[in-house]
């Protein structure tokens, strides 16, 4: 029950509380949201979103950012509804969220 405002790097909730998003979290959320329903590999995120060579980075970096983003979005890590893990493939934003990243 929140709104992600990527231009302000924050998530706003109905109760008035806010969560600030880091630059990397904004970039990650924007990329996933432009590809709703498609699993994005960790290597693709490193290469296309952060412009880093995936061969020189540990993929745990992506996992950590996703975990932090889920917490800020109040997306239950055990039963996520917005940022989904696709086993063996990577991460995706739920198709029902669509490309409209403002409503989460």
PDB file of N, CA and C in Angstrom:
ATOM      1  N   UNK A   1       0.839  -1.189   0.000  1.00  0.00           N
ATOM      2  CA  UNK A   1       0.000   0.000   0.000  1.00  0.00           C
ATOM      3  C   UNK A   1       0.880   1.247   0.000  1.00  0.00           C
ATOM      4  N   UNK A   2       1.661   1.408  -1.044  1.00  0.00           N
ATOM      5  CA  UNK A   2       2.540   2.553  -1.121  1.00  0.00           C
ATOM      6  C   UNK A   2       2.722   3.023  -2.544  1.00  0.00           C
ATOM      7  N   UNK A   3       3.389   4.151  -2.662  1.00  0.00           N
ATOM      8  CA  UNK A   3       3.687   4.741  -3.957  1.00  0.00           C
ATOM      9  C   UNK A   3       5.188   4.973  -4.025  1.00  0.00           C
ATOM     10  N   UNK A   4       5.817   4.422  -5.045  1.00  0.00           N
ATOM     11  CA  UNK A   4       7.246   4.652  -5.256  1.00  0.00           C
ATOM     12  C   UNK A   4       7.395   5.847  -6.179  1.00  0.00           C
ATOM     13  N   UNK A   5       8.006   6.890  -5.685  1.00  0.00           N
ATOM     14  CA  UNK A   5       8.268   8.089  -6.467  1.00  0.00           C
ATOM     15  C   UNK A   5       9.758   8.089  -6.781  1.00  0.00           C
ATOM     16  N   UNK A   6      10.108   7.596  -7.961  1.00  0.00           N
ATOM     17  CA  UNK A   6      11.507   7.438  -8.314  1.00  0.00           C
ATOM     18  C   UNK A   6      12.194   8.778  -8.535  1.00  0.00           C
ATOM     19  N   UNK A   7      11.461   9.783  -8.959  1.00  0.00           N
ATOM     20  CA  UNK A   7      12.075  11.097  -9.149  1.00  0.00           C
ATOM     21  C   UNK A   7      12.486  11.718  -7.816  1.00  0.00           C
ATOM     22  N   UNK A   8      11.810  11.320  -6.730  1.00  0.00           N
ATOM     23  CA  UNK A   8      12.162  11.821  -5.391  1.00  0.00           C
ATOM     24  C   UNK A   8      12.935  10.781  -4.585  1.00  0.00           C
ATOM     25  N   UNK A   9      13.181   9.631  -5.183  1.00  0.00           N
ATOM     26  CA  UNK A   9      13.916   8.541  -4.532  1.00  0.00           C
ATOM     27  C   UNK A   9      13.302   8.162  -3.192  1.00  0.00           C
ATOM     28  N   UNK A  10      11.985   7.910  -3.220  1.00  0.00           N
ATOM     29  CA  UNK A  10      11.319   7.546  -1.982  1.00  0.00           C
ATOM     30  C   UNK A  10      10.080   6.709  -2.244  1.00  0.00           C
ATOM     31  N   UNK A  11       9.657   6.046  -1.173  1.00  0.00           N
ATOM     32  CA  UNK A  11       8.382   5.333  -1.171  1.00  0.00           C
ATOM     33  C   UNK A  11       7.535   6.015  -0.113  1.00  0.00           C
ATOM     34  N   UNK A  12       6.304   6.360  -0.482  1.00  0.00           N
ATOM     35  CA  UNK A  12       5.370   6.971   0.457  1.00  0.00           C
ATOM     36  C   UNK A  12       4.241   5.989   0.728  1.00  0.00           C
ATOM     37  N   UNK A  13       3.859   5.905   1.985  1.00  0.00           N
ATOM     38  CA  UNK A  13       2.799   4.983   2.392  1.00  0.00           C
ATOM     39  C   UNK A  13       1.553   5.761   2.796  1.00  0.00           C
ATOM     40  N   UNK A  14       0.424   5.060   2.798  1.00  0.00           N
ATOM     41  CA  UNK A  14      -0.855   5.674   3.121  1.00  0.00           C
ATOM     42  C   UNK A  14      -0.894   6.324   4.492  1.00  0.00           C
ATOM     43  N   UNK A  15      -0.091   5.843   5.423  1.00  0.00           N
ATOM     44  CA  UNK A  15      -0.083   6.391   6.778  1.00  0.00           C
ATOM     45  C   UNK A  15       0.838   7.607   6.908  1.00  0.00           C
ATOM     46  N   UNK A  16       1.400   8.077   5.779  1.00  0.00           N
ATOM     47  CA  UNK A  16       2.261   9.259   5.799  1.00  0.00           C
ATOM     48  C   UNK A  16       3.734   8.967   5.979  1.00  0.00           C
ATOM     49  N   UNK A  17       4.079   7.726   6.295  1.00  0.00           N
ATOM     50  CA  UNK A  17       5.500   7.387   6.463  1.00  0.00           C
ATOM     51  C   UNK A  17       6.164   7.281   5.097  1.00  0.00           C
ATOM     52  N   UNK A  18       7.493   7.493   5.125  1.00  0.00           N
ATOM     53  CA  UNK A  18       8.287   7.454   3.894  1.00  0.00           C
ATOM     54  C   UNK A  18       9.530   6.600   4.111  1.00  0.00           C
ATOM     55  N   UNK A  19      10.022   6.057   3.022  1.00  0.00           N
ATOM     56  CA  UNK A  19      11.286   5.324   3.042  1.00  0.00           C
ATOM     57  C   UNK A  19      12.129   5.858   1.889  1.00  0.00           C
ATOM     58  N   UNK A  20      13.333   6.288   2.199  1.00  0.00           N
ATOM     59  CA  UNK A  20      14.244   6.786   1.169  1.00  0.00           C
ATOM     60  C   UNK A  20      14.862   5.626   0.408  1.00  0.00           C
ATOM     61  N   UNK A  21      15.015   5.815  -0.883  1.00  0.00           N
ATOM     62  CA  UNK A  21      15.649   4.815  -1.741  1.00  0.00           C
ATOM     63  C   UNK A  21      17.026   5.309  -2.164  1.00  0.00           C
ATOM     64  N   UNK A  22      17.995   4.405  -2.159  1.00  0.00           N
ATOM     65  CA  UNK A  22      19.326   4.760  -2.649  1.00  0.00           C
ATOM     66  C   UNK A  22      19.281   4.865  -4.173  1.00  0.00           C
ATOM     67  N   UNK A  23      20.309   5.449  -4.725  1.00  0.00           N
ATOM     68  CA  UNK A  23      20.392   5.583  -6.180  1.00  0.00           C
ATOM     69  C   UNK A  23      20.346   4.208  -6.848  1.00  0.00           C
ATOM     70  N   UNK A  24      21.066   3.253  -6.289  1.00  0.00           N
ATOM     71  CA  UNK A  24      21.080   1.897  -6.852  1.00  0.00           C
ATOM     72  C   UNK A  24      19.694   1.244  -6.758  1.00  0.00           C
ATOM     73  N   UNK A  25      18.990   1.466  -5.658  1.00  0.00           N
ATOM     74  CA  UNK A  25      17.646   0.903  -5.498  1.00  0.00           C
ATOM     75  C   UNK A  25      16.687   1.509  -6.517  1.00  0.00           C
ATOM     76  N   UNK A  26      16.806   2.792  -6.758  1.00  0.00           N
ATOM     77  CA  UNK A  26      15.964   3.452  -7.761  1.00  0.00           C
ATOM     78  C   UNK A  26      16.244   2.872  -9.142  1.00  0.00           C
ATOM     79  N   UNK A  27      17.525   2.731  -9.485  1.00  0.00           N
ATOM     80  CA  UNK A  27      17.903   2.184 -10.787  1.00  0.00           C
ATOM     81  C   UNK A  27      17.380   0.763 -10.954  1.00  0.00           C
ATOM     82  N   UNK A  28      17.515  -0.036  -9.914  1.00  0.00           N
ATOM     83  CA  UNK A  28      17.053  -1.420  -9.953  1.00  0.00           C
ATOM     84  C   UNK A  28      15.542  -1.485 -10.109  1.00  0.00           C
ATOM     85  N   UNK A  29      14.833  -0.728  -9.309  1.00  0.00           N
ATOM     86  CA  UNK A  29      13.373  -0.728  -9.374  1.00  0.00           C
ATOM     87  C   UNK A  29      12.882  -0.233 -10.729  1.00  0.00           C
ATOM     88  N   UNK A  30      13.498   0.801 -11.258  1.00  0.00           N
ATOM     89  CA  UNK A  30      13.107   1.338 -12.567  1.00  0.00           C
ATOM     90  C   UNK A  30      13.307   0.283 -13.661  1.00  0.00           C
ATOM     91  N   UNK A  31      14.452  -0.406 -13.637  1.00  0.00           N
ATOM     92  CA  UNK A  31      14.732  -1.410 -14.671  1.00  0.00           C
ATOM     93  C   UNK A  31      13.754  -2.583 -14.578  1.00  0.00           C
ATOM     94  N   UNK A  32      13.530  -3.068 -13.377  1.00  0.00           N
ATOM     95  CA  UNK A  32      12.587  -4.173 -13.216  1.00  0.00           C
ATOM     96  C   UNK A  32      11.185  -3.761 -13.650  1.00  0.00           C
ATOM     97  N   UNK A  33      10.796  -2.534 -13.334  1.00  0.00           N
ATOM     98  CA  UNK A  33       9.455  -2.057 -13.666  1.00  0.00           C
ATOM     99  C   UNK A  33       9.259  -1.863 -15.166  1.00  0.00           C
ATOM    100  N   UNK A  34      10.339  -1.618 -15.890  1.00  0.00           N
ATOM    101  CA  UNK A  34      10.207  -1.487 -17.348  1.00  0.00           C
ATOM    102  C   UNK A  34      10.195  -2.853 -18.032  1.00  0.00           C
ATOM    103  N   UNK A  35      10.376  -3.907 -17.242  1.00  0.00           N
ATOM    104  CA  UNK A  35      10.341  -5.280 -17.748  1.00  0.00           C
ATOM    105  C   UNK A  35       9.414  -6.141 -16.879  1.00  0.00           C
ATOM    106  N   UNK A  36       8.160  -5.725 -16.689  1.00  0.00           N
ATOM    107  CA  UNK A  36       7.283  -6.466 -15.771  1.00  0.00           C
ATOM    108  C   UNK A  36       7.035  -7.893 -16.243  1.00  0.00           C
ATOM    109  N   UNK A  37       7.059  -8.814 -15.300  1.00  0.00           N
ATOM    110  CA  UNK A  37       6.770 -10.199 -15.624  1.00  0.00           C
ATOM    111  C   UNK A  37       7.921 -10.951 -16.275  1.00  0.00           C
ATOM    112  N   UNK A  38       9.075 -10.302 -16.455  1.00  0.00           N
ATOM    113  CA  UNK A  38      10.238 -10.961 -17.060  1.00  0.00           C
ATOM    114  C   UNK A  38      11.333 -11.100 -16.020  1.00  0.00           C
ATOM    115  N   UNK A  39      11.852 -12.318 -15.891  1.00  0.00           N
ATOM    116  CA  UNK A  39      12.951 -12.552 -14.954  1.00  0.00           C
ATOM    117  C   UNK A  39      14.218 -11.911 -15.495  1.00  0.00           C
ATOM    118  N   UNK A  40      14.868 -11.123 -14.640  1.00  0.00           N
ATOM    119  CA  UNK A  40      16.100 -10.431 -15.010  1.00  0.00           C
ATOM    120  C   UNK A  40      17.242 -11.072 -14.227  1.00  0.00           C
ATOM    121  N   UNK A  41      18.239 -11.537 -14.931  1.00  0.00           N
ATOM    122  CA  UNK A  41      19.364 -12.198 -14.259  1.00  0.00           C
ATOM    123  C   UNK A  41      20.211 -11.189 -13.497  1.00  0.00           C
ATOM    124  N   UNK A  42      20.944 -11.692 -12.528  1.00  0.00           N
ATOM    125  CA  UNK A  42      21.861 -10.848 -11.769  1.00  0.00           C
ATOM    126  C   UNK A  42      22.909 -10.233 -12.692  1.00  0.00           C
ATOM    127  N   UNK A  43      23.411 -11.031 -13.637  1.00  0.00           N
ATOM    128  CA  UNK A  43      24.403 -10.523 -14.584  1.00  0.00           C
ATOM    129  C   UNK A  43      23.837  -9.388 -15.430  1.00  0.00           C
ATOM    130  N   UNK A  44      22.587  -9.522 -15.862  1.00  0.00           N
ATOM    131  CA  UNK A  44      21.957  -8.462 -16.656  1.00  0.00           C
ATOM    132  C   UNK A  44      21.808  -7.190 -15.827  1.00  0.00           C
ATOM    133  N   UNK A  45      21.435  -7.330 -14.587  1.00  0.00           N
ATOM    134  CA  UNK A  45      21.309  -6.157 -13.709  1.00  0.00           C
ATOM    135  C   UNK A  45      22.662  -5.470 -13.554  1.00  0.00           C
ATOM    136  N   UNK A  46      23.690  -6.237 -13.274  1.00  0.00           N
ATOM    137  CA  UNK A  46      25.021  -5.653 -13.120  1.00  0.00           C
ATOM    138  C   UNK A  46      25.463  -4.941 -14.397  1.00  0.00           C
ATOM    139  N   UNK A  47      25.263  -5.584 -15.534  1.00  0.00           N
ATOM    140  CA  UNK A  47      25.741  -5.046 -16.802  1.00  0.00           C
ATOM    141  C   UNK A  47      24.894  -3.883 -17.307  1.00  0.00           C
ATOM    142  N   UNK A  48      23.590  -4.049 -17.359  1.00  0.00           N
ATOM    143  CA  UNK A  48      22.728  -3.052 -17.999  1.00  0.00           C
ATOM    144  C   UNK A  48      22.250  -1.943 -17.076  1.00  0.00           C
ATOM    145  N   UNK A  49      22.110  -2.260 -15.802  1.00  0.00           N
ATOM    146  CA  UNK A  49      21.607  -1.246 -14.878  1.00  0.00           C
ATOM    147  C   UNK A  49      22.753  -0.465 -14.254  1.00  0.00           C
ATOM    148  N   UNK A  50      23.750  -1.181 -13.752  1.00  0.00           N
ATOM    149  CA  UNK A  50      24.840  -0.523 -13.028  1.00  0.00           C
ATOM    150  C   UNK A  50      26.114  -0.410 -13.847  1.00  0.00           C
ATOM    151  N   UNK A  51      26.099  -0.950 -15.077  1.00  0.00           N
ATOM    152  CA  UNK A  51      27.241  -0.868 -15.976  1.00  0.00           C
ATOM    153  C   UNK A  51      28.525  -1.413 -15.351  1.00  0.00           C
ATOM    154  N   UNK A  52      28.381  -2.558 -14.707  1.00  0.00           N
ATOM    155  CA  UNK A  52      29.517  -3.235 -14.083  1.00  0.00           C
ATOM    156  C   UNK A  52      29.730  -4.577 -14.765  1.00  0.00           C
ATOM    157  N   UNK A  53      30.960  -5.011 -14.838  1.00  0.00           N
ATOM    158  CA  UNK A  53      31.290  -6.292 -15.437  1.00  0.00           C
ATOM    159  C   UNK A  53      30.872  -7.404 -14.481  1.00  0.00           C
ATOM    160  N   UNK A  54      29.905  -8.235 -14.873  1.00  0.00           N
ATOM    161  CA  UNK A  54      29.429  -9.286 -13.976  1.00  0.00           C
ATOM    162  C   UNK A  54      30.511 -10.301 -13.610  1.00  0.00           C
ATOM    163  N   UNK A  55      31.533 -10.420 -14.428  1.00  0.00           N
ATOM    164  CA  UNK A  55      32.604 -11.372 -14.134  1.00  0.00           C
ATOM    165  C   UNK A  55      33.473 -10.911 -12.977  1.00  0.00           C
ATOM    166  N   UNK A  56      33.397  -9.646 -12.653  1.00  0.00           N
ATOM    167  CA  UNK A  56      34.235  -9.090 -11.588  1.00  0.00           C
ATOM    168  C   UNK A  56      33.453  -8.762 -10.321  1.00  0.00           C
ATOM    169  N   UNK A  57      32.181  -9.156 -10.282  1.00  0.00           N
ATOM    170  CA  UNK A  57      31.339  -8.831  -9.131  1.00  0.00           C
ATOM    171  C   UNK A  57      30.695 -10.099  -8.569  1.00  0.00           C
ATOM    172  N   UNK A  58      30.494 -10.092  -7.280  1.00  0.00           N
ATOM    173  CA  UNK A  58      29.768 -11.183  -6.635  1.00  0.00           C
ATOM    174  C   UNK A  58      28.270 -10.906  -6.781  1.00  0.00           C
ATOM    175  N   UNK A  59      27.507 -11.928  -7.122  1.00  0.00           N
ATOM    176  CA  UNK A  59      26.073 -11.729  -7.318  1.00  0.00           C
ATOM    177  C   UNK A  59      25.338 -11.457  -6.009  1.00  0.00           C
ATOM    178  N   UNK A  60      25.983 -11.676  -4.890  1.00  0.00           N
ATOM    179  CA  UNK A  60      25.341 -11.376  -3.599  1.00  0.00           C
ATOM    180  C   UNK A  60      25.037  -9.882  -3.476  1.00  0.00           C
ATOM    181  N   UNK A  61      25.745  -9.058  -4.221  1.00  0.00           N
ATOM    182  CA  UNK A  61      25.485  -7.617  -4.225  1.00  0.00           C
ATOM    183  C   UNK A  61      24.040  -7.349  -4.650  1.00  0.00           C
ATOM    184  N   UNK A  62      23.605  -8.024  -5.686  1.00  0.00           N
ATOM    185  CA  UNK A  62      22.237  -7.867  -6.168  1.00  0.00           C
ATOM    186  C   UNK A  62      21.259  -8.357  -5.114  1.00  0.00           C
ATOM    187  N   UNK A  63      21.528  -9.519  -4.546  1.00  0.00           N
ATOM    188  CA  UNK A  63      20.639 -10.078  -3.525  1.00  0.00           C
ATOM    189  C   UNK A  63      20.472  -9.119  -2.352  1.00  0.00           C
ATOM    190  N   UNK A  64      21.563  -8.495  -1.938  1.00  0.00           N
ATOM    191  CA  UNK A  64      21.513  -7.544  -0.826  1.00  0.00           C
ATOM    192  C   UNK A  64      20.644  -6.337  -1.172  1.00  0.00           C
ATOM    193  N   UNK A  65      20.794  -5.813  -2.380  1.00  0.00           N
ATOM    194  CA  UNK A  65      19.986  -4.662  -2.789  1.00  0.00           C
ATOM    195  C   UNK A  65      18.505  -5.029  -2.895  1.00  0.00           C
ATOM    196  N   UNK A  66      18.223  -6.207  -3.399  1.00  0.00           N
ATOM    197  CA  UNK A  66      16.829  -6.653  -3.482  1.00  0.00           C
ATOM    198  C   UNK A  66      16.243  -6.796  -2.079  1.00  0.00           C
ATOM    199  N   UNK A  67      16.986  -7.379  -1.155  1.00  0.00           N
ATOM    200  CA  UNK A  67      16.514  -7.532   0.221  1.00  0.00           C
ATOM    201  C   UNK A  67      16.229  -6.170   0.855  1.00  0.00           C
ATOM    202  N   UNK A  68      17.136  -5.217   0.666  1.00  0.00           N
ATOM    203  CA  UNK A  68      16.927  -3.875   1.205  1.00  0.00           C
ATOM    204  C   UNK A  68      15.722  -3.201   0.571  1.00  0.00           C
ATOM    205  N   UNK A  69      15.566  -3.372  -0.731  1.00  0.00           N
ATOM    206  CA  UNK A  69      14.440  -2.776  -1.436  1.00  0.00           C
ATOM    207  C   UNK A  69      13.124  -3.386  -0.977  1.00  0.00           C
ATOM    208  N   UNK A  70      13.105  -4.699  -0.807  1.00  0.00           N
ATOM    209  CA  UNK A  70      11.880  -5.343  -0.295  1.00  0.00           C
ATOM    210  C   UNK A  70      11.493  -4.788   1.071  1.00  0.00           C
ATOM    211  N   UNK A  71      12.476  -4.603   1.914  1.00  0.00           N
ATOM    212  CA  UNK A  71      12.200  -4.072   3.244  1.00  0.00           C
ATOM    213  C   UNK A  71      11.604  -2.666   3.149  1.00  0.00           C
ATOM    214  N   UNK A  72      12.170  -1.836   2.314  1.00  0.00           N
ATOM    215  CA  UNK A  72      11.674  -0.473   2.169  1.00  0.00           C
ATOM    216  C   UNK A  72      10.293  -0.428   1.531  1.00  0.00           C
ATOM    217  N   UNK A  73      10.013  -1.393   0.655  1.00  0.00           N
ATOM    218  CA  UNK A  73       8.701  -1.462   0.006  1.00  0.00           C
ATOM    219  C   UNK A  73       7.666  -2.191   0.867  1.00  0.00           C
ATOM    220  N   UNK A  74       8.138  -2.724   1.998  1.00  0.00           N
ATOM    221  CA  UNK A  74       7.296  -3.542   2.885  1.00  0.00           C
ATOM    222  C   UNK A  74       6.755  -4.764   2.143  1.00  0.00           C
ATOM    223  N   UNK A  75       7.608  -5.345   1.339  1.00  0.00           N
ATOM    224  CA  UNK A  75       7.288  -6.541   0.558  1.00  0.00           C
ATOM    225  C   UNK A  75       7.863  -7.735   1.316  1.00  0.00           C
ATOM    226  N   UNK A  76       7.017  -8.550   1.872  1.00  0.00           N
ATOM    227  CA  UNK A  76       7.413  -9.678   2.714  1.00  0.00           C
ATOM    228  C   UNK A  76       8.399 -10.595   1.990  1.00  0.00           C
ATOM    229  N   UNK A  77       9.591 -10.728   2.534  1.00  0.00           N
ATOM    230  CA  UNK A  77      10.631 -11.548   1.908  1.00  0.00           C
ATOM    231  C   UNK A  77      10.224 -13.016   1.791  1.00  0.00           C
ATOM    232  N   UNK A  78       9.420 -13.503   2.723  1.00  0.00           N
ATOM    233  CA  UNK A  78       8.985 -14.899   2.694  1.00  0.00           C
ATOM    234  C   UNK A  78       7.874 -15.137   1.677  1.00  0.00           C
ATOM    235  N   UNK A  79       7.092 -14.095   1.392  1.00  0.00           N
ATOM    236  CA  UNK A  79       5.985 -14.204   0.454  1.00  0.00           C
ATOM    237  C   UNK A  79       5.856 -12.885  -0.317  1.00  0.00           C
ATOM    238  N   UNK A  80       6.859 -12.562  -1.140  1.00  0.00           N
ATOM    239  CA  UNK A  80       6.848 -11.272  -1.826  1.00  0.00           C
ATOM    240  C   UNK A  80       5.729 -11.159  -2.852  1.00  0.00           C
ATOM    241  N   UNK A  81       5.204  -9.955  -2.973  1.00  0.00           N
ATOM    242  CA  UNK A  81       4.130  -9.677  -3.931  1.00  0.00           C
ATOM    243  C   UNK A  81       4.588  -8.714  -5.023  1.00  0.00           C
ATOM    244  N   UNK A  82       5.684  -7.998  -4.788  1.00  0.00           N
ATOM    245  CA  UNK A  82       6.156  -6.991  -5.744  1.00  0.00           C
ATOM    246  C   UNK A  82       7.452  -7.438  -6.410  1.00  0.00           C
ATOM    247  N   UNK A  83       8.485  -7.685  -5.625  1.00  0.00           N
ATOM    248  CA  UNK A  83       9.779  -8.118  -6.157  1.00  0.00           C
ATOM    249  C   UNK A  83       9.915  -9.622  -5.968  1.00  0.00           C
ATOM    250  N   UNK A  84       9.791 -10.335  -7.053  1.00  0.00           N
ATOM    251  CA  UNK A  84       9.760 -11.788  -6.999  1.00  0.00           C
ATOM    252  C   UNK A  84      11.112 -12.393  -7.354  1.00  0.00           C
ATOM    253  N   UNK A  85      11.453 -13.470  -6.672  1.00  0.00           N
ATOM    254  CA  UNK A  85      12.644 -14.242  -7.000  1.00  0.00           C
ATOM    255  C   UNK A  85      12.226 -15.366  -7.934  1.00  0.00           C
ATOM    256  N   UNK A  86      12.925 -15.500  -9.044  1.00  0.00           N
ATOM    257  CA  UNK A  86      12.679 -16.587  -9.981  1.00  0.00           C
ATOM    258  C   UNK A  86      13.879 -17.506  -9.862  1.00  0.00           C
ATOM    259  N   UNK A  87      13.676 -18.621  -9.196  1.00  0.00           N
ATOM    260  CA  UNK A  87      14.772 -19.536  -8.878  1.00  0.00           C
ATOM    261  C   UNK A  87      15.566 -19.914 -10.122  1.00  0.00           C
ATOM    262  N   UNK A  88      16.873 -19.726 -10.027  1.00  0.00           N
ATOM    263  CA  UNK A  88      17.771 -20.070 -11.120  1.00  0.00           C
ATOM    264  C   UNK A  88      17.814 -19.055 -12.249  1.00  0.00           C
ATOM    265  N   UNK A  89      16.997 -18.006 -12.165  1.00  0.00           N
ATOM    266  CA  UNK A  89      16.932 -17.020 -13.249  1.00  0.00           C
ATOM    267  C   UNK A  89      17.273 -15.610 -12.779  1.00  0.00           C
ATOM    268  N   UNK A  90      16.757 -15.193 -11.629  1.00  0.00           N
ATOM    269  CA  UNK A  90      17.010 -13.836 -11.152  1.00  0.00           C
ATOM    270  C   UNK A  90      15.800 -13.257 -10.454  1.00  0.00           C
ATOM    271  N   UNK A  91      15.486 -12.014 -10.776  1.00  0.00           N
ATOM    272  CA  UNK A  91      14.401 -11.295 -10.121  1.00  0.00           C
ATOM    273  C   UNK A  91      13.486 -10.663 -11.151  1.00  0.00           C
ATOM    274  N   UNK A  92      12.245 -10.427 -10.740  1.00  0.00           N
ATOM    275  CA  UNK A  92      11.324  -9.691 -11.599  1.00  0.00           C
ATOM    276  C   UNK A  92      10.316  -8.952 -10.741  1.00  0.00           C
ATOM    277  N   UNK A  93       9.757  -7.929 -11.336  1.00  0.00           N
ATOM    278  CA  UNK A  93       8.668  -7.223 -10.677  1.00  0.00           C
ATOM    279  C   UNK A  93       7.390  -7.935 -11.094  1.00  0.00           C
ATOM    280  N   UNK A  94       6.456  -8.065 -10.190  1.00  0.00           N
ATOM    281  CA  UNK A  94       5.221  -8.782 -10.479  1.00  0.00           C
ATOM    282  C   UNK A  94       4.500  -8.157 -11.670  1.00  0.00           C
ATOM    283  N   UNK A  95       3.979  -9.000 -12.539  1.00  0.00           N
ATOM    284  CA  UNK A  95       3.312  -8.529 -13.749  1.00  0.00           C
ATOM    285  C   UNK A  95       2.123  -7.638 -13.420  1.00  0.00           C
ATOM    286  N   UNK A  96       1.444  -7.903 -12.304  1.00  0.00           N
ATOM    287  CA  UNK A  96       0.273  -7.089 -11.959  1.00  0.00           C
ATOM    288  C   UNK A  96       0.651  -5.681 -11.518  1.00  0.00           C
ATOM    289  N   UNK A  97       1.931  -5.462 -11.180  1.00  0.00           N
ATOM    290  CA  UNK A  97       2.396  -4.117 -10.852  1.00  0.00           C
ATOM    291  C   UNK A  97       2.573  -3.341 -12.153  1.00  0.00           C
ATOM    292  N   UNK A  98       2.963  -4.053 -13.211  1.00  0.00           N
ATOM    293  CA  UNK A  98       3.100  -3.445 -14.512  1.00  0.00           C
ATOM    294  C   UNK A  98       4.230  -2.439 -14.586  1.00  0.00           C
ATOM    295  N   UNK A  99       4.227  -1.646 -15.620  1.00  0.00           N
ATOM    296  CA  UNK A  99       5.273  -0.661 -15.840  1.00  0.00           C
ATOM    297  C   UNK A  99       5.056   0.603 -15.017  1.00  0.00           C
ATOM    298  N   UNK A 100       3.927   0.691 -14.317  1.00  0.00           N
ATOM    299  CA  UNK A 100       3.647   1.869 -13.508  1.00  0.00           C
ATOM    300  C   UNK A 100       4.313   1.715 -12.151  1.00  0.00           C
ATOM    301  N   UNK A 101       5.528   2.204 -12.019  1.00  0.00           N
ATOM    302  CA  UNK A 101       6.278   2.033 -10.779  1.00  0.00           C
ATOM    303  C   UNK A 101       5.787   2.936  -9.670  1.00  0.00           C
ATOM    304  N   UNK A 102       4.893   3.844  -9.983  1.00  0.00           N
ATOM    305  CA  UNK A 102       4.412   4.740  -8.937  1.00  0.00           C
ATOM    306  C   UNK A 102       3.471   4.031  -7.968  1.00  0.00           C
ATOM    307  N   UNK A 103       2.800   2.984  -8.407  1.00  0.00           N
ATOM    308  CA  UNK A 103       1.876   2.256  -7.526  1.00  0.00           C
ATOM    309  C   UNK A 103       2.462   0.906  -7.181  1.00  0.00           C
ATOM    310  N   UNK A 104       2.730   0.679  -5.907  1.00  0.00           N
ATOM    311  CA  UNK A 104       3.292  -0.593  -5.466  1.00  0.00           C
ATOM    312  C   UNK A 104       2.449  -1.150  -4.336  1.00  0.00           C
TER     313      UNK A 104
END
